[in-house]
Amino acid sequence: MHRGKVKWFDTVKGYGFIESDNGDDVFVHFTGIVGDGFKNLEDNQLVEYELTEGNRGPQASHVVVIQP
């Protein structure tokens, strides 16, 4: 698992970016967020995630908020 901080997330478009611990930006789509109902991330939330290879490069999956 990787850790990072939500850089920004657009709830209308359903995607955003996580800043990883090493400073890289990682794409996150709402389908990669763990949970039921409306899936959203807030700026500066701390998250854990798995890194997978998406169509356009690295992408976060199995994203779990560890600090709201």
PDB file of N, CA and C in Angstrom:
ATOM      1  N   MET A   1       0.837  -1.188   0.000  1.00  0.00           N
ATOM      2  CA  MET A   1       0.000   0.000   0.000  1.00  0.00           C
ATOM      3  C   MET A   1       0.876   1.244   0.000  1.00  0.00           C
ATOM      4  N   HIS A   2       0.403   2.255  -0.683  1.00  0.00           N
ATOM      5  CA  HIS A   2       1.080   3.546  -0.738  1.00  0.00           C
ATOM      6  C   HIS A   2       0.262   4.545   0.071  1.00  0.00           C
ATOM      7  N   ARG A   3       0.916   5.615   0.491  1.00  0.00           N
ATOM      8  CA  ARG A   3       0.225   6.686   1.207  1.00  0.00           C
ATOM      9  C   ARG A   3       0.425   7.996   0.471  1.00  0.00           C
ATOM     10  N   GLY A   4      -0.545   8.873   0.627  1.00  0.00           N
ATOM     11  CA  GLY A   4      -0.438  10.184   0.016  1.00  0.00           C
ATOM     12  C   GLY A   4      -1.509  11.107   0.550  1.00  0.00           C
ATOM     13  N   LYS A   5      -1.556  12.305  -0.033  1.00  0.00           N
ATOM     14  CA  LYS A   5      -2.500  13.342   0.370  1.00  0.00           C
ATOM     15  C   LYS A   5      -3.273  13.774  -0.874  1.00  0.00           C
ATOM     16  N   VAL A   6      -4.575  13.936  -0.727  1.00  0.00           N
ATOM     17  CA  VAL A   6      -5.405  14.358  -1.855  1.00  0.00           C
ATOM     18  C   VAL A   6      -5.014  15.779  -2.242  1.00  0.00           C
ATOM     19  N   LYS A   7      -4.586  15.924  -3.491  1.00  0.00           N
ATOM     20  CA  LYS A   7      -4.202  17.241  -4.008  1.00  0.00           C
ATOM     21  C   LYS A   7      -5.459  18.017  -4.397  1.00  0.00           C
ATOM     22  N   TRP A   8      -6.310  17.373  -5.182  1.00  0.00           N
ATOM     23  CA  TRP A   8      -7.629  17.912  -5.523  1.00  0.00           C
ATOM     24  C   TRP A   8      -8.486  16.787  -6.081  1.00  0.00           C
ATOM     25  N   PHE A   9      -9.799  16.960  -5.952  1.00  0.00           N
ATOM     26  CA  PHE A   9     -10.750  15.987  -6.472  1.00  0.00           C
ATOM     27  C   PHE A   9     -11.992  16.734  -6.917  1.00  0.00           C
ATOM     28  N   ASP A  10     -12.377  16.563  -8.177  1.00  0.00           N
ATOM     29  CA  ASP A  10     -13.553  17.218  -8.751  1.00  0.00           C
ATOM     30  C   ASP A  10     -14.732  16.244  -8.680  1.00  0.00           C
ATOM     31  N   THR A  11     -15.703  16.543  -7.817  1.00  0.00           N
ATOM     32  CA  THR A  11     -16.839  15.637  -7.640  1.00  0.00           C
ATOM     33  C   THR A  11     -17.739  15.576  -8.873  1.00  0.00           C
ATOM     34  N   VAL A  12     -17.782  16.635  -9.662  1.00  0.00           N
ATOM     35  CA  VAL A  12     -18.605  16.646 -10.875  1.00  0.00           C
ATOM     36  C   VAL A  12     -17.994  15.738 -11.939  1.00  0.00           C
ATOM     37  N   LYS A  13     -16.693  15.846 -12.140  1.00  0.00           N
ATOM     38  CA  LYS A  13     -16.010  15.030 -13.146  1.00  0.00           C
ATOM     39  C   LYS A  13     -15.669  13.639 -12.624  1.00  0.00           C
ATOM     40  N   GLY A  14     -15.575  13.493 -11.293  1.00  0.00           N
ATOM     41  CA  GLY A  14     -15.334  12.176 -10.707  1.00  0.00           C
ATOM     42  C   GLY A  14     -13.887  11.735 -10.692  1.00  0.00           C
ATOM     43  N   TYR A  15     -12.968  12.689 -10.755  1.00  0.00           N
ATOM     44  CA  TYR A  15     -11.558  12.317 -10.679  1.00  0.00           C
ATOM     45  C   TYR A  15     -10.734  13.437 -10.069  1.00  0.00           C
ATOM     46  N   GLY A  16      -9.488  13.111  -9.762  1.00  0.00           N
ATOM     47  CA  GLY A  16      -8.570  14.090  -9.201  1.00  0.00           C
ATOM     48  C   GLY A  16      -7.183  13.499  -9.094  1.00  0.00           C
ATOM     49  N   PHE A  17      -6.374  14.073  -8.210  1.00  0.00           N
ATOM     50  CA  PHE A  17      -5.004  13.610  -8.052  1.00  0.00           C
ATOM     51  C   PHE A  17      -4.619  13.516  -6.586  1.00  0.00           C
ATOM     52  N   ILE A  18      -3.803  12.521  -6.293  1.00  0.00           N
ATOM     53  CA  ILE A  18      -3.210  12.318  -4.979  1.00  0.00           C
ATOM     54  C   ILE A  18      -1.735  12.649  -5.105  1.00  0.00           C
ATOM     55  N   GLU A  19      -1.199  13.382  -4.141  1.00  0.00           N
ATOM     56  CA  GLU A  19       0.244  13.623  -4.092  1.00  0.00           C
ATOM     57  C   GLU A  19       0.845  12.524  -3.233  1.00  0.00           C
ATOM     58  N   SER A  20       1.662  11.677  -3.851  1.00  0.00           N
ATOM     59  CA  SER A  20       2.255  10.555  -3.118  1.00  0.00           C
ATOM     60  C   SER A  20       3.305  11.055  -2.141  1.00  0.00           C
ATOM     61  N   ASP A  21       3.713  10.181  -1.225  1.00  0.00           N
ATOM     62  CA  ASP A  21       4.731  10.541  -0.240  1.00  0.00           C
ATOM     63  C   ASP A  21       6.043  10.972  -0.890  1.00  0.00           C
ATOM     64  N   ASN A  22       6.319  10.453  -2.098  1.00  0.00           N
ATOM     65  CA  ASN A  22       7.563  10.839  -2.777  1.00  0.00           C
ATOM     66  C   ASN A  22       7.390  12.064  -3.674  1.00  0.00           C
ATOM     67  N   GLY A  23       6.187  12.670  -3.653  1.00  0.00           N
ATOM     68  CA  GLY A  23       5.957  13.909  -4.389  1.00  0.00           C
ATOM     69  C   GLY A  23       5.339  13.750  -5.761  1.00  0.00           C
ATOM     70  N   ASP A  24       5.197  12.510  -6.250  1.00  0.00           N
ATOM     71  CA  ASP A  24       4.589  12.286  -7.563  1.00  0.00           C
ATOM     72  C   ASP A  24       3.075  12.455  -7.490  1.00  0.00           C
ATOM     73  N   ASP A  25       2.472  12.933  -8.573  1.00  0.00           N
ATOM     74  CA  ASP A  25       1.022  13.028  -8.671  1.00  0.00           C
ATOM     75  C   ASP A  25       0.475  11.718  -9.227  1.00  0.00           C
ATOM     76  N   VAL A  26      -0.571  11.199  -8.579  1.00  0.00           N
ATOM     77  CA  VAL A  26      -1.189   9.938  -8.991  1.00  0.00           C
ATOM     78  C   VAL A  26      -2.660  10.200  -9.292  1.00  0.00           C
ATOM     79  N   PHE A  27      -3.095   9.821 -10.479  1.00  0.00           N
ATOM     80  CA  PHE A  27      -4.487   9.977 -10.899  1.00  0.00           C
ATOM     81  C   PHE A  27      -5.390   9.092 -10.045  1.00  0.00           C
ATOM     82  N   VAL A  28      -6.566   9.609  -9.673  1.00  0.00           N
ATOM     83  CA  VAL A  28      -7.563   8.801  -8.960  1.00  0.00           C
ATOM     84  C   VAL A  28      -8.939   9.065  -9.566  1.00  0.00           C
ATOM     85  N   HIS A  29      -9.644   7.978  -9.897  1.00  0.00           N
ATOM     86  CA  HIS A  29     -11.006   8.039 -10.419  1.00  0.00           C
ATOM     87  C   HIS A  29     -11.945   7.582  -9.310  1.00  0.00           C
ATOM     88  N   PHE A  30     -13.173   8.086  -9.309  1.00  0.00           N
ATOM     89  CA  PHE A  30     -14.095   7.739  -8.222  1.00  0.00           C
ATOM     90  C   PHE A  30     -14.321   6.236  -8.103  1.00  0.00           C
ATOM     91  N   THR A  31     -14.171   5.494  -9.193  1.00  0.00           N
ATOM     92  CA  THR A  31     -14.366   4.046  -9.137  1.00  0.00           C
ATOM     93  C   THR A  31     -13.266   3.352  -8.335  1.00  0.00           C
ATOM     94  N   GLY A  32     -12.154   4.036  -8.086  1.00  0.00           N
ATOM     95  CA  GLY A  32     -11.060   3.461  -7.311  1.00  0.00           C
ATOM     96  C   GLY A  32     -11.169   3.708  -5.820  1.00  0.00           C
ATOM     97  N   ILE A  33     -12.226   4.419  -5.391  1.00  0.00           N
ATOM     98  CA  ILE A  33     -12.409   4.742  -3.974  1.00  0.00           C
ATOM     99  C   ILE A  33     -13.246   3.648  -3.316  1.00  0.00           C
ATOM    100  N   VAL A  34     -12.770   3.132  -2.182  1.00  0.00           N
ATOM    101  CA  VAL A  34     -13.479   2.085  -1.447  1.00  0.00           C
ATOM    102  C   VAL A  34     -14.628   2.702  -0.657  1.00  0.00           C
ATOM    103  N   GLY A  35     -15.798   2.060  -0.699  1.00  0.00           N
ATOM    104  CA  GLY A  35     -16.943   2.525   0.079  1.00  0.00           C
ATOM    105  C   GLY A  35     -18.230   2.420  -0.710  1.00  0.00           C
ATOM    106  N   ASP A  36     -19.327   2.589  -0.002  1.00  0.00           N
ATOM    107  CA  ASP A  36     -20.652   2.543  -0.615  1.00  0.00           C
ATOM    108  C   ASP A  36     -21.185   3.958  -0.793  1.00  0.00           C
ATOM    109  N   GLY A  37     -22.144   4.108  -1.682  1.00  0.00           N
ATOM    110  CA  GLY A  37     -22.774   5.408  -1.882  1.00  0.00           C
ATOM    111  C   GLY A  37     -21.905   6.356  -2.684  1.00  0.00           C
ATOM    112  N   PHE A  38     -22.123   7.647  -2.446  1.00  0.00           N
ATOM    113  CA  PHE A  38     -21.413   8.700  -3.174  1.00  0.00           C
ATOM    114  C   PHE A  38     -19.939   8.696  -2.789  1.00  0.00           C
ATOM    115  N   LYS A  39     -19.063   8.562  -3.762  1.00  0.00           N
ATOM    116  CA  LYS A  39     -17.628   8.467  -3.506  1.00  0.00           C
ATOM    117  C   LYS A  39     -16.960   9.799  -3.798  1.00  0.00           C
ATOM    118  N   ASN A  40     -16.329  10.361  -2.771  1.00  0.00           N
ATOM    119  CA  ASN A  40     -15.734  11.679  -2.864  1.00  0.00           C
ATOM    120  C   ASN A  40     -14.479  11.731  -2.010  1.00  0.00           C
ATOM    121  N   LEU A  41     -13.546  12.573  -2.393  1.00  0.00           N
ATOM    122  CA  LEU A  41     -12.353  12.836  -1.594  1.00  0.00           C
ATOM    123  C   LEU A  41     -12.254  14.332  -1.373  1.00  0.00           C
ATOM    124  N   GLU A  42     -11.763  14.721  -0.221  1.00  0.00           N
ATOM    125  CA  GLU A  42     -11.582  16.127   0.120  1.00  0.00           C
ATOM    126  C   GLU A  42     -10.106  16.494   0.024  1.00  0.00           C
ATOM    127  N   ASP A  43      -9.829  17.736  -0.353  1.00  0.00           N
ATOM    128  CA  ASP A  43      -8.449  18.216  -0.415  1.00  0.00           C
ATOM    129  C   ASP A  43      -7.744  17.975   0.914  1.00  0.00           C
ATOM    130  N   ASN A  44      -6.498  17.547   0.829  1.00  0.00           N
ATOM    131  CA  ASN A  44      -5.608  17.330   1.978  1.00  0.00           C
ATOM    132  C   ASN A  44      -5.942  16.119   2.834  1.00  0.00           C
ATOM    133  N   GLN A  45      -6.920  15.296   2.451  1.00  0.00           N
ATOM    134  CA  GLN A  45      -7.165  14.062   3.194  1.00  0.00           C
ATOM    135  C   GLN A  45      -5.981  13.126   2.996  1.00  0.00           C
ATOM    136  N   LEU A  46      -5.611  12.410   4.055  1.00  0.00           N
ATOM    137  CA  LEU A  46      -4.579  11.389   3.938  1.00  0.00           C
ATOM    138  C   LEU A  46      -5.240  10.088   3.522  1.00  0.00           C
ATOM    139  N   VAL A  47      -4.640   9.423   2.533  1.00  0.00           N
ATOM    140  CA  VAL A  47      -5.217   8.197   1.998  1.00  0.00           C
ATOM    141  C   VAL A  47      -4.146   7.124   1.828  1.00  0.00           C
ATOM    142  N   GLU A  48      -4.607   5.878   1.813  1.00  0.00           N
ATOM    143  CA  GLU A  48      -3.780   4.741   1.420  1.00  0.00           C
ATOM    144  C   GLU A  48      -4.383   4.203   0.136  1.00  0.00           C
ATOM    145  N   TYR A  49      -3.535   3.686  -0.739  1.00  0.00           N
ATOM    146  CA  TYR A  49      -4.023   3.207  -2.026  1.00  0.00           C
ATOM    147  C   TYR A  49      -3.042   2.210  -2.622  1.00  0.00           C
ATOM    148  N   GLU A  50      -3.532   1.451  -3.582  1.00  0.00           N
ATOM    149  CA  GLU A  50      -2.687   0.573  -4.375  1.00  0.00           C
ATOM    150  C   GLU A  50      -2.421   1.278  -5.697  1.00  0.00           C
ATOM    151  N   LEU A  51      -1.258   1.049  -6.238  1.00  0.00           N
ATOM    152  CA  LEU A  51      -0.877   1.670  -7.501  1.00  0.00           C
ATOM    153  C   LEU A  51      -1.048   0.653  -8.623  1.00  0.00           C
ATOM    154  N   THR A  52      -1.860   1.001  -9.616  1.00  0.00           N
ATOM    155  CA  THR A  52      -2.075   0.137 -10.769  1.00  0.00           C
ATOM    156  C   THR A  52      -1.736   0.915 -12.038  1.00  0.00           C
ATOM    157  N   GLU A  53      -1.586   0.199 -13.120  1.00  0.00           N
ATOM    158  CA  GLU A  53      -1.276   0.838 -14.397  1.00  0.00           C
ATOM    159  C   GLU A  53      -2.577   1.045 -15.159  1.00  0.00           C
ATOM    160  N   GLY A  54      -2.950   2.306 -15.362  1.00  0.00           N
ATOM    161  CA  GLY A  54      -4.157   2.639 -16.107  1.00  0.00           C
ATOM    162  C   GLY A  54      -3.837   2.880 -17.572  1.00  0.00           C
ATOM    163  N   ASN A  55      -4.830   3.313 -18.343  1.00  0.00           N
ATOM    164  CA  ASN A  55      -4.646   3.583 -19.770  1.00  0.00           C
ATOM    165  C   ASN A  55      -3.647   4.698 -20.031  1.00  0.00           C
ATOM    166  N   ARG A  56      -3.538   5.634 -19.082  1.00  0.00           N
ATOM    167  CA  ARG A  56      -2.655   6.792 -19.285  1.00  0.00           C
ATOM    168  C   ARG A  56      -1.536   6.858 -18.255  1.00  0.00           C
ATOM    169  N   GLY A  57      -1.218   5.734 -17.647  1.00  0.00           N
ATOM    170  CA  GLY A  57      -0.135   5.716 -16.669  1.00  0.00           C
ATOM    171  C   GLY A  57      -0.600   5.262 -15.305  1.00  0.00           C
ATOM    172  N   PRO A  58       0.208   5.527 -14.279  1.00  0.00           N
ATOM    173  CA  PRO A  58      -0.120   5.080 -12.925  1.00  0.00           C
ATOM    174  C   PRO A  58      -1.448   5.657 -12.438  1.00  0.00           C
ATOM    175  N   GLN A  59      -2.181   4.819 -11.711  1.00  0.00           N
ATOM    176  CA  GLN A  59      -3.495   5.210 -11.222  1.00  0.00           C
ATOM    177  C   GLN A  59      -3.711   4.595  -9.844  1.00  0.00           C
ATOM    178  N   ALA A  60      -4.369   5.330  -8.959  1.00  0.00           N
ATOM    179  CA  ALA A  60      -4.672   4.827  -7.620  1.00  0.00           C
ATOM    180  C   ALA A  60      -5.923   3.956  -7.668  1.00  0.00           C
ATOM    181  N   SER A  61      -5.878   2.831  -6.953  1.00  0.00           N
ATOM    182  CA  SER A  61      -7.047   1.974  -6.796  1.00  0.00           C
ATOM    183  C   SER A  61      -7.141   1.555  -5.341  1.00  0.00           C
ATOM    184  N   HIS A  62      -8.291   1.035  -4.947  1.00  0.00           N
ATOM    185  CA  HIS A  62      -8.527   0.627  -3.557  1.00  0.00           C
ATOM    186  C   HIS A  62      -8.148   1.754  -2.595  1.00  0.00           C
ATOM    187  N   VAL A  63      -8.609   2.966  -2.899  1.00  0.00           N
ATOM    188  CA  VAL A  63      -8.281   4.157  -2.104  1.00  0.00           C
ATOM    189  C   VAL A  63      -9.120   4.170  -0.824  1.00  0.00           C
ATOM    190  N   VAL A  64      -8.433   4.300   0.321  1.00  0.00           N
ATOM    191  CA  VAL A  64      -9.085   4.333   1.628  1.00  0.00           C
ATOM    192  C   VAL A  64      -8.613   5.580   2.369  1.00  0.00           C
ATOM    193  N   VAL A  65      -9.557   6.355   2.896  1.00  0.00           N
ATOM    194  CA  VAL A  65      -9.217   7.545   3.682  1.00  0.00           C
ATOM    195  C   VAL A  65      -8.731   7.087   5.052  1.00  0.00           C
ATOM    196  N   ILE A  66      -7.529   7.553   5.454  1.00  0.00           N
ATOM    197  CA  ILE A  66      -7.008   7.186   6.769  1.00  0.00           C
ATOM    198  C   ILE A  66      -7.056   8.348   7.746  1.00  0.00           C
ATOM    199  N   GLN A  67      -7.259   9.565   7.227  1.00  0.00           N
ATOM    200  CA  GLN A  67      -7.450  10.736   8.087  1.00  0.00           C
ATOM    201  C   GLN A  67      -8.366  11.712   7.366  1.00  0.00           C
ATOM    202  N   PRO A  68      -9.597  11.870   7.884  1.00  0.00           N
ATOM    203  CA  PRO A  68     -10.555  12.761   7.216  1.00  0.00           C
ATOM    204  C   PRO A  68     -10.126  14.213   7.197  1.00  0.00           C
TER     205      PRO A  68
END
